[in-house]
Amino acid sequence: MSTQRIKKDDVVFVRAGASAGKTGKVLAVDYKRQVAVVDGLNLHKKCIRKNEQAPNGQIVEIPAPIHLSNLMPWDAKAKKGVRVSYVREDGRSVRVAKGTGTRL
């Protein structure tokens, strides 16, 4: 697998859409569809039928996927979303924030 700009468990900044300007932790990434699910962002309501766990049924909010082009890795040092460059260290590619040089 090649290096990716955004990975699971990263903290990301949302650049566009209904959740623009917010940050959250990445729960899952689907590189084939180019989307990521971010905890607490881009929430959509889903109706649950009556069952043993929910005798009256219920409406729950679940996070929907966000396209990777609308996400930027969050740099806590710079307190903003940053672009990513790759540097070779010990024979491996490492993600580095462009502005500050912080390792991601």
PDB file of N, CA and C in Angstrom:
ATOM      1  N   MET A   1       0.847  -1.188   0.000  1.00  0.00           N
ATOM      2  CA  MET A   1       0.000   0.000   0.000  1.00  0.00           C
ATOM      3  C   MET A   1       0.886   1.242   0.000  1.00  0.00           C
ATOM      4  N   SER A   2       0.572   2.193  -0.834  1.00  0.00           N
ATOM      5  CA  SER A   2       1.336   3.432  -0.886  1.00  0.00           C
ATOM      6  C   SER A   2       0.945   4.333   0.280  1.00  0.00           C
ATOM      7  N   THR A   3       1.773   5.352   0.511  1.00  0.00           N
ATOM      8  CA  THR A   3       1.474   6.278   1.598  1.00  0.00           C
ATOM      9  C   THR A   3       0.226   7.073   1.281  1.00  0.00           C
ATOM     10  N   GLN A   4      -0.545   7.333   2.305  1.00  0.00           N
ATOM     11  CA  GLN A   4      -1.794   8.057   2.140  1.00  0.00           C
ATOM     12  C   GLN A   4      -1.749   9.340   2.956  1.00  0.00           C
ATOM     13  N   ARG A   5      -2.422  10.356   2.482  1.00  0.00           N
ATOM     14  CA  ARG A   5      -2.444  11.646   3.151  1.00  0.00           C
ATOM     15  C   ARG A   5      -3.203  11.590   4.462  1.00  0.00           C
ATOM     16  N   ILE A   6      -4.317  10.836   4.497  1.00  0.00           N
ATOM     17  CA  ILE A   6      -5.165  10.731   5.684  1.00  0.00           C
ATOM     18  C   ILE A   6      -5.322   9.257   6.028  1.00  0.00           C
ATOM     19  N   LYS A   7      -5.133   8.946   7.315  1.00  0.00           N
ATOM     20  CA  LYS A   7      -5.213   7.564   7.781  1.00  0.00           C
ATOM     21  C   LYS A   7      -6.161   7.471   8.964  1.00  0.00           C
ATOM     22  N   LYS A   8      -6.521   6.231   9.324  1.00  0.00           N
ATOM     23  CA  LYS A   8      -7.388   5.988  10.476  1.00  0.00           C
ATOM     24  C   LYS A   8      -6.708   6.526  11.741  1.00  0.00           C
ATOM     25  N   ASP A   9      -7.516   7.063  12.667  1.00  0.00           N
ATOM     26  CA  ASP A   9      -7.082   7.631  13.952  1.00  0.00           C
ATOM     27  C   ASP A   9      -6.386   8.981  13.820  1.00  0.00           C
ATOM     28  N   ASP A  10      -6.303   9.552  12.619  1.00  0.00           N
ATOM     29  CA  ASP A  10      -5.789  10.915  12.467  1.00  0.00           C
ATOM     30  C   ASP A  10      -6.837  11.912  12.940  1.00  0.00           C
ATOM     31  N   VAL A  11      -6.388  13.074  13.386  1.00  0.00           N
ATOM     32  CA  VAL A  11      -7.298  14.186  13.642  1.00  0.00           C
ATOM     33  C   VAL A  11      -7.277  15.035  12.383  1.00  0.00           C
ATOM     34  N   VAL A  12      -8.470  15.331  11.854  1.00  0.00           N
ATOM     35  CA  VAL A  12      -8.558  16.057  10.590  1.00  0.00           C
ATOM     36  C   VAL A  12      -9.411  17.313  10.732  1.00  0.00           C
ATOM     37  N   PHE A  13      -9.195  18.240   9.814  1.00  0.00           N
ATOM     38  CA  PHE A  13      -9.930  19.496   9.716  1.00  0.00           C
ATOM     39  C   PHE A  13     -10.797  19.408   8.463  1.00  0.00           C
ATOM     40  N   VAL A  14     -12.086  19.761   8.574  1.00  0.00           N
ATOM     41  CA  VAL A  14     -12.997  19.696   7.430  1.00  0.00           C
ATOM     42  C   VAL A  14     -12.966  21.035   6.704  1.00  0.00           C
ATOM     43  N   ARG A  15     -12.631  21.021   5.415  1.00  0.00           N
ATOM     44  CA  ARG A  15     -12.491  22.246   4.622  1.00  0.00           C
ATOM     45  C   ARG A  15     -13.788  22.712   4.005  1.00  0.00           C
ATOM     46  N   ALA A  16     -14.692  21.791   3.672  1.00  0.00           N
ATOM     47  CA  ALA A  16     -15.896  22.159   2.936  1.00  0.00           C
ATOM     48  C   ALA A  16     -17.058  21.295   3.372  1.00  0.00           C
ATOM     49  N   GLY A  17     -18.266  21.758   3.094  1.00  0.00           N
ATOM     50  CA  GLY A  17     -19.460  20.997   3.417  1.00  0.00           C
ATOM     51  C   GLY A  17     -20.158  21.526   4.646  1.00  0.00           C
ATOM     52  N   ALA A  18     -21.140  20.779   5.129  1.00  0.00           N
ATOM     53  CA  ALA A  18     -21.940  21.205   6.277  1.00  0.00           C
ATOM     54  C   ALA A  18     -21.118  21.280   7.555  1.00  0.00           C
ATOM     55  N   SER A  19     -20.076  20.486   7.674  1.00  0.00           N
ATOM     56  CA  SER A  19     -19.239  20.458   8.878  1.00  0.00           C
ATOM     57  C   SER A  19     -17.947  21.266   8.700  1.00  0.00           C
ATOM     58  N   ALA A  20     -17.919  22.194   7.764  1.00  0.00           N
ATOM     59  CA  ALA A  20     -16.709  22.961   7.470  1.00  0.00           C
ATOM     60  C   ALA A  20     -16.237  23.721   8.703  1.00  0.00           C
ATOM     61  N   GLY A  21     -14.916  23.705   8.908  1.00  0.00           N
ATOM     62  CA  GLY A  21     -14.320  24.425  10.021  1.00  0.00           C
ATOM     63  C   GLY A  21     -14.204  23.624  11.305  1.00  0.00           C
ATOM     64  N   LYS A  22     -14.706  22.403  11.315  1.00  0.00           N
ATOM     65  CA  LYS A  22     -14.669  21.569  12.521  1.00  0.00           C
ATOM     66  C   LYS A  22     -13.559  20.529  12.401  1.00  0.00           C
ATOM     67  N   THR A  23     -13.173  19.981  13.557  1.00  0.00           N
ATOM     68  CA  THR A  23     -12.164  18.932  13.571  1.00  0.00           C
ATOM     69  C   THR A  23     -12.737  17.675  14.209  1.00  0.00           C
ATOM     70  N   GLY A  24     -12.173  16.531  13.870  1.00  0.00           N
ATOM     71  CA  GLY A  24     -12.618  15.267  14.434  1.00  0.00           C
ATOM     72  C   GLY A  24     -11.624  14.163  14.129  1.00  0.00           C
ATOM     73  N   LYS A  25     -11.828  13.019  14.774  1.00  0.00           N
ATOM     74  CA  LYS A  25     -10.949  11.866  14.614  1.00  0.00           C
ATOM     75  C   LYS A  25     -11.508  10.932  13.541  1.00  0.00           C
ATOM     76  N   VAL A  26     -10.650  10.441  12.677  1.00  0.00           N
ATOM     77  CA  VAL A  26     -11.060   9.549  11.589  1.00  0.00           C
ATOM     78  C   VAL A  26     -11.329   8.157  12.161  1.00  0.00           C
ATOM     79  N   LEU A  27     -12.541   7.645  11.901  1.00  0.00           N
ATOM     80  CA  LEU A  27     -12.912   6.312  12.363  1.00  0.00           C
ATOM     81  C   LEU A  27     -12.589   5.237  11.329  1.00  0.00           C
ATOM     82  N   ALA A  28     -12.785   5.560  10.058  1.00  0.00           N
ATOM     83  CA  ALA A  28     -12.533   4.597   8.987  1.00  0.00           C
ATOM     84  C   ALA A  28     -12.247   5.343   7.690  1.00  0.00           C
ATOM     85  N   VAL A  29     -11.443   4.713   6.831  1.00  0.00           N
ATOM     86  CA  VAL A  29     -11.118   5.296   5.527  1.00  0.00           C
ATOM     87  C   VAL A  29     -11.339   4.232   4.464  1.00  0.00           C
ATOM     88  N   ASP A  30     -12.036   4.615   3.378  1.00  0.00           N
ATOM     89  CA  ASP A  30     -12.221   3.735   2.239  1.00  0.00           C
ATOM     90  C   ASP A  30     -11.489   4.379   1.055  1.00  0.00           C
ATOM     91  N   TYR A  31     -10.263   3.895   0.775  1.00  0.00           N
ATOM     92  CA  TYR A  31      -9.446   4.504  -0.266  1.00  0.00           C
ATOM     93  C   TYR A  31     -10.010   4.241  -1.654  1.00  0.00           C
ATOM     94  N   LYS A  32     -10.728   3.145  -1.827  1.00  0.00           N
ATOM     95  CA  LYS A  32     -11.304   2.841  -3.135  1.00  0.00           C
ATOM     96  C   LYS A  32     -12.378   3.866  -3.513  1.00  0.00           C
ATOM     97  N   ARG A  33     -13.232   4.222  -2.539  1.00  0.00           N
ATOM     98  CA  ARG A  33     -14.278   5.227  -2.782  1.00  0.00           C
ATOM     99  C   ARG A  33     -13.812   6.645  -2.464  1.00  0.00           C
ATOM    100  N   GLN A  34     -12.592   6.782  -1.899  1.00  0.00           N
ATOM    101  CA  GLN A  34     -12.013   8.081  -1.547  1.00  0.00           C
ATOM    102  C   GLN A  34     -12.854   8.833  -0.516  1.00  0.00           C
ATOM    103  N   VAL A  35     -13.323   8.127   0.522  1.00  0.00           N
ATOM    104  CA  VAL A  35     -14.113   8.753   1.579  1.00  0.00           C
ATOM    105  C   VAL A  35     -13.596   8.312   2.942  1.00  0.00           C
ATOM    106  N   ALA A  36     -13.916   9.123   3.970  1.00  0.00           N
ATOM    107  CA  ALA A  36     -13.550   8.799   5.345  1.00  0.00           C
ATOM    108  C   ALA A  36     -14.735   9.121   6.246  1.00  0.00           C
ATOM    109  N   VAL A  37     -14.885   8.342   7.321  1.00  0.00           N
ATOM    110  CA  VAL A  37     -15.914   8.594   8.320  1.00  0.00           C
ATOM    111  C   VAL A  37     -15.214   9.258   9.502  1.00  0.00           C
ATOM    112  N   VAL A  38     -15.712  10.449   9.887  1.00  0.00           N
ATOM    113  CA  VAL A  38     -15.106  11.222  10.968  1.00  0.00           C
ATOM    114  C   VAL A  38     -16.074  11.260  12.143  1.00  0.00           C
ATOM    115  N   ASP A  39     -15.570  10.968  13.342  1.00  0.00           N
ATOM    116  CA  ASP A  39     -16.381  10.882  14.550  1.00  0.00           C
ATOM    117  C   ASP A  39     -17.050  12.221  14.864  1.00  0.00           C
ATOM    118  N   GLY A  40     -18.385  12.214  14.956  1.00  0.00           N
ATOM    119  CA  GLY A  40     -19.152  13.388  15.361  1.00  0.00           C
ATOM    120  C   GLY A  40     -19.384  14.427  14.284  1.00  0.00           C
ATOM    121  N   LEU A  41     -18.942  14.175  13.054  1.00  0.00           N
ATOM    122  CA  LEU A  41     -19.128  15.144  11.972  1.00  0.00           C
ATOM    123  C   LEU A  41     -19.947  14.538  10.855  1.00  0.00           C
ATOM    124  N   ASN A  42     -20.637  15.401  10.102  1.00  0.00           N
ATOM    125  CA  ASN A  42     -21.466  14.988   8.970  1.00  0.00           C
ATOM    126  C   ASN A  42     -22.504  13.952   9.423  1.00  0.00           C
ATOM    127  N   LEU A  43     -23.216  14.273  10.506  1.00  0.00           N
ATOM    128  CA  LEU A  43     -24.189  13.349  11.086  1.00  0.00           C
ATOM    129  C   LEU A  43     -25.475  13.321  10.278  1.00  0.00           C
ATOM    130  N   HIS A  44     -26.012  12.127  10.070  1.00  0.00           N
ATOM    131  CA  HIS A  44     -27.279  11.931   9.386  1.00  0.00           C
ATOM    132  C   HIS A  44     -28.183  11.095  10.270  1.00  0.00           C
ATOM    133  N   LYS A  45     -29.484  11.351  10.191  1.00  0.00           N
ATOM    134  CA  LYS A  45     -30.440  10.620  11.019  1.00  0.00           C
ATOM    135  C   LYS A  45     -30.864   9.331  10.333  1.00  0.00           C
ATOM    136  N   LYS A  46     -31.003   8.272  11.138  1.00  0.00           N
ATOM    137  CA  LYS A  46     -31.432   6.984  10.621  1.00  0.00           C
ATOM    138  C   LYS A  46     -32.534   6.455  11.528  1.00  0.00           C
ATOM    139  N   CYS A  47     -33.632   5.991  10.938  1.00  0.00           N
ATOM    140  CA  CYS A  47     -34.753   5.454  11.703  1.00  0.00           C
ATOM    141  C   CYS A  47     -34.520   3.962  11.955  1.00  0.00           C
ATOM    142  N   ILE A  48     -34.689   3.558  13.216  1.00  0.00           N
ATOM    143  CA  ILE A  48     -34.529   2.160  13.612  1.00  0.00           C
ATOM    144  C   ILE A  48     -35.911   1.572  13.861  1.00  0.00           C
ATOM    145  N   ARG A  49     -36.186   0.397  13.282  1.00  0.00           N
ATOM    146  CA  ARG A  49     -37.479  -0.273  13.476  1.00  0.00           C
ATOM    147  C   ARG A  49     -37.621  -0.766  14.901  1.00  0.00           C
ATOM    148  N   LYS A  50     -38.849  -1.080  15.271  1.00  0.00           N
ATOM    149  CA  LYS A  50     -39.102  -1.661  16.582  1.00  0.00           C
ATOM    150  C   LYS A  50     -38.398  -3.007  16.676  1.00  0.00           C
ATOM    151  N   ASN A  51     -37.708  -3.232  17.797  1.00  0.00           N
ATOM    152  CA  ASN A  51     -37.067  -4.516  18.051  1.00  0.00           C
ATOM    153  C   ASN A  51     -36.899  -4.680  19.560  1.00  0.00           C
ATOM    154  N   GLU A  52     -36.222  -5.712  20.000  1.00  0.00           N
ATOM    155  CA  GLU A  52     -36.085  -5.955  21.429  1.00  0.00           C
ATOM    156  C   GLU A  52     -35.270  -4.878  22.128  1.00  0.00           C
ATOM    157  N   GLN A  53     -34.246  -4.364  21.470  1.00  0.00           N
ATOM    158  CA  GLN A  53     -33.430  -3.318  22.074  1.00  0.00           C
ATOM    159  C   GLN A  53     -34.138  -1.975  22.089  1.00  0.00           C
ATOM    160  N   ALA A  54     -34.955  -1.696  21.087  1.00  0.00           N
ATOM    161  CA  ALA A  54     -35.695  -0.439  20.986  1.00  0.00           C
ATOM    162  C   ALA A  54     -37.174  -0.773  20.786  1.00  0.00           C
ATOM    163  N   PRO A  55     -37.934  -0.995  21.881  1.00  0.00           N
ATOM    164  CA  PRO A  55     -39.325  -1.436  21.743  1.00  0.00           C
ATOM    165  C   PRO A  55     -40.223  -0.450  20.995  1.00  0.00           C
ATOM    166  N   ASN A  56     -39.906   0.833  21.057  1.00  0.00           N
ATOM    167  CA  ASN A  56     -40.709   1.827  20.355  1.00  0.00           C
ATOM    168  C   ASN A  56     -40.053   2.304  19.065  1.00  0.00           C
ATOM    169  N   GLY A  57     -38.903   1.718  18.743  1.00  0.00           N
ATOM    170  CA  GLY A  57     -38.146   2.226  17.607  1.00  0.00           C
ATOM    171  C   GLY A  57     -37.441   3.503  18.031  1.00  0.00           C
ATOM    172  N   GLN A  58     -36.551   4.004  17.222  1.00  0.00           N
ATOM    173  CA  GLN A  58     -35.882   5.250  17.565  1.00  0.00           C
ATOM    174  C   GLN A  58     -35.211   5.850  16.346  1.00  0.00           C
ATOM    175  N   ILE A  59     -34.800   7.096  16.503  1.00  0.00           N
ATOM    176  CA  ILE A  59     -34.053   7.794  15.466  1.00  0.00           C
ATOM    177  C   ILE A  59     -32.653   8.037  16.018  1.00  0.00           C
ATOM    178  N   VAL A  60     -31.636   7.551  15.313  1.00  0.00           N
ATOM    179  CA  VAL A  60     -30.254   7.718  15.761  1.00  0.00           C
ATOM    180  C   VAL A  60     -29.484   8.532  14.735  1.00  0.00           C
ATOM    181  N   GLU A  61     -28.440   9.215  15.218  1.00  0.00           N
ATOM    182  CA  GLU A  61     -27.573   9.968  14.320  1.00  0.00           C
ATOM    183  C   GLU A  61     -26.298   9.174  14.098  1.00  0.00           C
ATOM    184  N   ILE A  62     -25.959   8.949  12.835  1.00  0.00           N
ATOM    185  CA  ILE A  62     -24.745   8.218  12.500  1.00  0.00           C
ATOM    186  C   ILE A  62     -23.862   9.109  11.619  1.00  0.00           C
ATOM    187  N   PRO A  63     -22.539   9.009  11.770  1.00  0.00           N
ATOM    188  CA  PRO A  63     -21.662   9.805  10.907  1.00  0.00           C
ATOM    189  C   PRO A  63     -21.626   9.233   9.494  1.00  0.00           C
ATOM    190  N   ALA A  64     -21.813  10.090   8.516  1.00  0.00           N
ATOM    191  CA  ALA A  64     -21.774   9.687   7.110  1.00  0.00           C
ATOM    192  C   ALA A  64     -20.378   9.987   6.548  1.00  0.00           C
ATOM    193  N   PRO A  65     -19.975   9.330   5.474  1.00  0.00           N
ATOM    194  CA  PRO A  65     -18.636   9.551   4.913  1.00  0.00           C
ATOM    195  C   PRO A  65     -18.472  10.959   4.331  1.00  0.00           C
ATOM    196  N   ILE A  66     -17.233  11.441   4.374  1.00  0.00           N
ATOM    197  CA  ILE A  66     -16.843  12.727   3.795  1.00  0.00           C
ATOM    198  C   ILE A  66     -15.747  12.444   2.779  1.00  0.00           C
ATOM    199  N   HIS A  67     -15.788  13.090   1.633  1.00  0.00           N
ATOM    200  CA  HIS A  67     -14.771  12.869   0.604  1.00  0.00           C
ATOM    201  C   HIS A  67     -13.414  13.348   1.108  1.00  0.00           C
ATOM    202  N   LEU A  68     -12.360  12.604   0.772  1.00  0.00           N
ATOM    203  CA  LEU A  68     -11.019  12.922   1.256  1.00  0.00           C
ATOM    204  C   LEU A  68     -10.518  14.284   0.792  1.00  0.00           C
ATOM    205  N   SER A  69     -11.021  14.768  -0.332  1.00  0.00           N
ATOM    206  CA  SER A  69     -10.588  16.083  -0.816  1.00  0.00           C
ATOM    207  C   SER A  69     -11.071  17.207   0.091  1.00  0.00           C
ATOM    208  N   ASN A  70     -12.078  16.941   0.929  1.00  0.00           N
ATOM    209  CA  ASN A  70     -12.606  17.947   1.842  1.00  0.00           C
ATOM    210  C   ASN A  70     -11.974  17.872   3.225  1.00  0.00           C
ATOM    211  N   LEU A  71     -10.958  17.025   3.405  1.00  0.00           N
ATOM    212  CA  LEU A  71     -10.307  16.861   4.702  1.00  0.00           C
ATOM    213  C   LEU A  71      -8.834  17.227   4.611  1.00  0.00           C
ATOM    214  N   MET A  72      -8.313  17.801   5.715  1.00  0.00           N
ATOM    215  CA  MET A  72      -6.889  18.097   5.836  1.00  0.00           C
ATOM    216  C   MET A  72      -6.414  17.589   7.185  1.00  0.00           C
ATOM    217  N   PRO A  73      -5.220  17.032   7.268  1.00  0.00           N
ATOM    218  CA  PRO A  73      -4.695  16.649   8.573  1.00  0.00           C
ATOM    219  C   PRO A  73      -4.558  17.880   9.471  1.00  0.00           C
ATOM    220  N   TRP A  74      -4.848  17.712  10.759  1.00  0.00           N
ATOM    221  CA  TRP A  74      -4.809  18.813  11.724  1.00  0.00           C
ATOM    222  C   TRP A  74      -3.440  18.825  12.403  1.00  0.00           C
ATOM    223  N   ASP A  75      -2.807  19.989  12.418  1.00  0.00           N
ATOM    224  CA  ASP A  75      -1.529  20.157  13.104  1.00  0.00           C
ATOM    225  C   ASP A  75      -1.784  20.931  14.388  1.00  0.00           C
ATOM    226  N   ALA A  76      -1.625  20.279  15.538  1.00  0.00           N
ATOM    227  CA  ALA A  76      -1.902  20.919  16.821  1.00  0.00           C
ATOM    228  C   ALA A  76      -0.928  22.055  17.101  1.00  0.00           C
ATOM    229  N   LYS A  77       0.296  21.937  16.590  1.00  0.00           N
ATOM    230  CA  LYS A  77       1.301  22.979  16.806  1.00  0.00           C
ATOM    231  C   LYS A  77       0.908  24.272  16.084  1.00  0.00           C
ATOM    232  N   ALA A  78       0.461  24.131  14.837  1.00  0.00           N
ATOM    233  CA  ALA A  78       0.057  25.301  14.038  1.00  0.00           C
ATOM    234  C   ALA A  78      -1.390  25.687  14.285  1.00  0.00           C
ATOM    235  N   LYS A  79      -2.167  24.793  14.899  1.00  0.00           N
ATOM    236  CA  LYS A  79      -3.595  24.994  15.170  1.00  0.00           C
ATOM    237  C   LYS A  79      -4.374  25.282  13.897  1.00  0.00           C
ATOM    238  N   LYS A  80      -4.089  24.479  12.849  1.00  0.00           N
ATOM    239  CA  LYS A  80      -4.821  24.595  11.591  1.00  0.00           C
ATOM    240  C   LYS A  80      -4.608  23.339  10.766  1.00  0.00           C
ATOM    241  N   GLY A  81      -5.397  23.210   9.708  1.00  0.00           N
ATOM    242  CA  GLY A  81      -5.210  22.117   8.772  1.00  0.00           C
ATOM    243  C   GLY A  81      -3.975  22.386   7.938  1.00  0.00           C
ATOM    244  N   VAL A  82      -3.213  21.345   7.637  1.00  0.00           N
ATOM    245  CA  VAL A  82      -1.951  21.530   6.915  1.00  0.00           C
ATOM    246  C   VAL A  82      -1.878  20.627   5.700  1.00  0.00           C
ATOM    247  N   ARG A  83      -1.050  21.038   4.738  1.00  0.00           N
ATOM    248  CA  ARG A  83      -0.741  20.196   3.608  1.00  0.00           C
ATOM    249  C   ARG A  83       0.342  19.217   4.028  1.00  0.00           C
ATOM    250  N   VAL A  84       0.463  18.128   3.277  1.00  0.00           N
ATOM    251  CA  VAL A  84       1.368  17.052   3.663  1.00  0.00           C
ATOM    252  C   VAL A  84       2.443  16.861   2.610  1.00  0.00           C
ATOM    253  N   SER A  85       3.675  16.668   3.073  1.00  0.00           N
ATOM    254  CA  SER A  85       4.752  16.233   2.192  1.00  0.00           C
ATOM    255  C   SER A  85       5.315  14.947   2.777  1.00  0.00           C
ATOM    256  N   TYR A  86       6.106  14.237   1.995  1.00  0.00           N
ATOM    257  CA  TYR A  86       6.659  12.959   2.427  1.00  0.00           C
ATOM    258  C   TYR A  86       8.175  13.039   2.449  1.00  0.00           C
ATOM    259  N   VAL A  87       8.768  12.541   3.527  1.00  0.00           N
ATOM    260  CA  VAL A  87      10.214  12.547   3.700  1.00  0.00           C
ATOM    261  C   VAL A  87      10.650  11.109   3.959  1.00  0.00           C
ATOM    262  N   ARG A  88      11.790  10.701   3.398  1.00  0.00           N
ATOM    263  CA  ARG A  88      12.312   9.358   3.629  1.00  0.00           C
ATOM    264  C   ARG A  88      13.121   9.353   4.920  1.00  0.00           C
ATOM    265  N   GLU A  89      12.741   8.489   5.876  1.00  0.00           N
ATOM    266  CA  GLU A  89      13.485   8.307   7.121  1.00  0.00           C
ATOM    267  C   GLU A  89      13.664   6.816   7.349  1.00  0.00           C
ATOM    268  N   ASP A  90      14.882   6.369   7.478  1.00  0.00           N
ATOM    269  CA  ASP A  90      15.191   4.957   7.721  1.00  0.00           C
ATOM    270  C   ASP A  90      14.544   4.041   6.679  1.00  0.00           C
ATOM    271  N   GLY A  91      14.528   4.472   5.427  1.00  0.00           N
ATOM    272  CA  GLY A  91      13.977   3.655   4.356  1.00  0.00           C
ATOM    273  C   GLY A  91      12.462   3.649   4.282  1.00  0.00           C
ATOM    274  N   ARG A  92      11.795   4.494   5.054  1.00  0.00           N
ATOM    275  CA  ARG A  92      10.328   4.568   5.046  1.00  0.00           C
ATOM    276  C   ARG A  92       9.881   5.989   4.719  1.00  0.00           C
ATOM    277  N   SER A  93       8.695   6.118   4.116  1.00  0.00           N
ATOM    278  CA  SER A  93       8.117   7.435   3.872  1.00  0.00           C
ATOM    279  C   SER A  93       7.378   7.880   5.120  1.00  0.00           C
ATOM    280  N   VAL A  94       7.622   9.111   5.539  1.00  0.00           N
ATOM    281  CA  VAL A  94       6.980   9.664   6.732  1.00  0.00           C
ATOM    282  C   VAL A  94       6.232  10.924   6.327  1.00  0.00           C
ATOM    283  N   ARG A  95       5.013  11.067   6.835  1.00  0.00           N
ATOM    284  CA  ARG A  95       4.228  12.264   6.532  1.00  0.00           C
ATOM    285  C   ARG A  95       4.710  13.430   7.404  1.00  0.00           C
ATOM    286  N   VAL A  96       4.891  14.594   6.773  1.00  0.00           N
ATOM    287  CA  VAL A  96       5.377  15.774   7.463  1.00  0.00           C
ATOM    288  C   VAL A  96       4.513  16.962   7.059  1.00  0.00           C
ATOM    289  N   ALA A  97       4.127  17.808   8.033  1.00  0.00           N
ATOM    290  CA  ALA A  97       3.353  19.010   7.735  1.00  0.00           C
ATOM    291  C   ALA A  97       4.227  19.999   6.977  1.00  0.00           C
ATOM    292  N   LYS A  98       3.690  20.567   5.912  1.00  0.00           N
ATOM    293  CA  LYS A  98       4.489  21.455   5.055  1.00  0.00           C
ATOM    294  C   LYS A  98       4.917  22.737   5.762  1.00  0.00           C
ATOM    295  N   GLY A  99       4.007  23.388   6.464  1.00  0.00           N
ATOM    296  CA  GLY A  99       4.335  24.678   7.061  1.00  0.00           C
ATOM    297  C   GLY A  99       5.299  24.595   8.225  1.00  0.00           C
ATOM    298  N   THR A 100       5.070  23.664   9.142  1.00  0.00           N
ATOM    299  CA  THR A 100       5.849  23.594  10.376  1.00  0.00           C
ATOM    300  C   THR A 100       6.904  22.514  10.380  1.00  0.00           C
ATOM    301  N   GLY A 101       6.805  21.536   9.498  1.00  0.00           N
ATOM    302  CA  GLY A 101       7.734  20.424   9.483  1.00  0.00           C
ATOM    303  C   GLY A 101       7.453  19.383  10.557  1.00  0.00           C
ATOM    304  N   THR A 102       6.289  19.487  11.214  1.00  0.00           N
ATOM    305  CA  THR A 102       5.912  18.553  12.246  1.00  0.00           C
ATOM    306  C   THR A 102       5.598  17.187  11.637  1.00  0.00           C
ATOM    307  N   ARG A 103       6.081  16.134  12.288  1.00  0.00           N
ATOM    308  CA  ARG A 103       5.807  14.766  11.819  1.00  0.00           C
ATOM    309  C   ARG A 103       4.399  14.386  12.192  1.00  0.00           C
ATOM    310  N   LEU A 104       3.648  13.814  11.231  1.00  0.00           N
ATOM    311  CA  LEU A 104       2.254  13.459  11.498  1.00  0.00           C
ATOM    312  C   LEU A 104       2.114  11.996  11.850  1.00  0.00           C
TER     313      LEU A 104
END
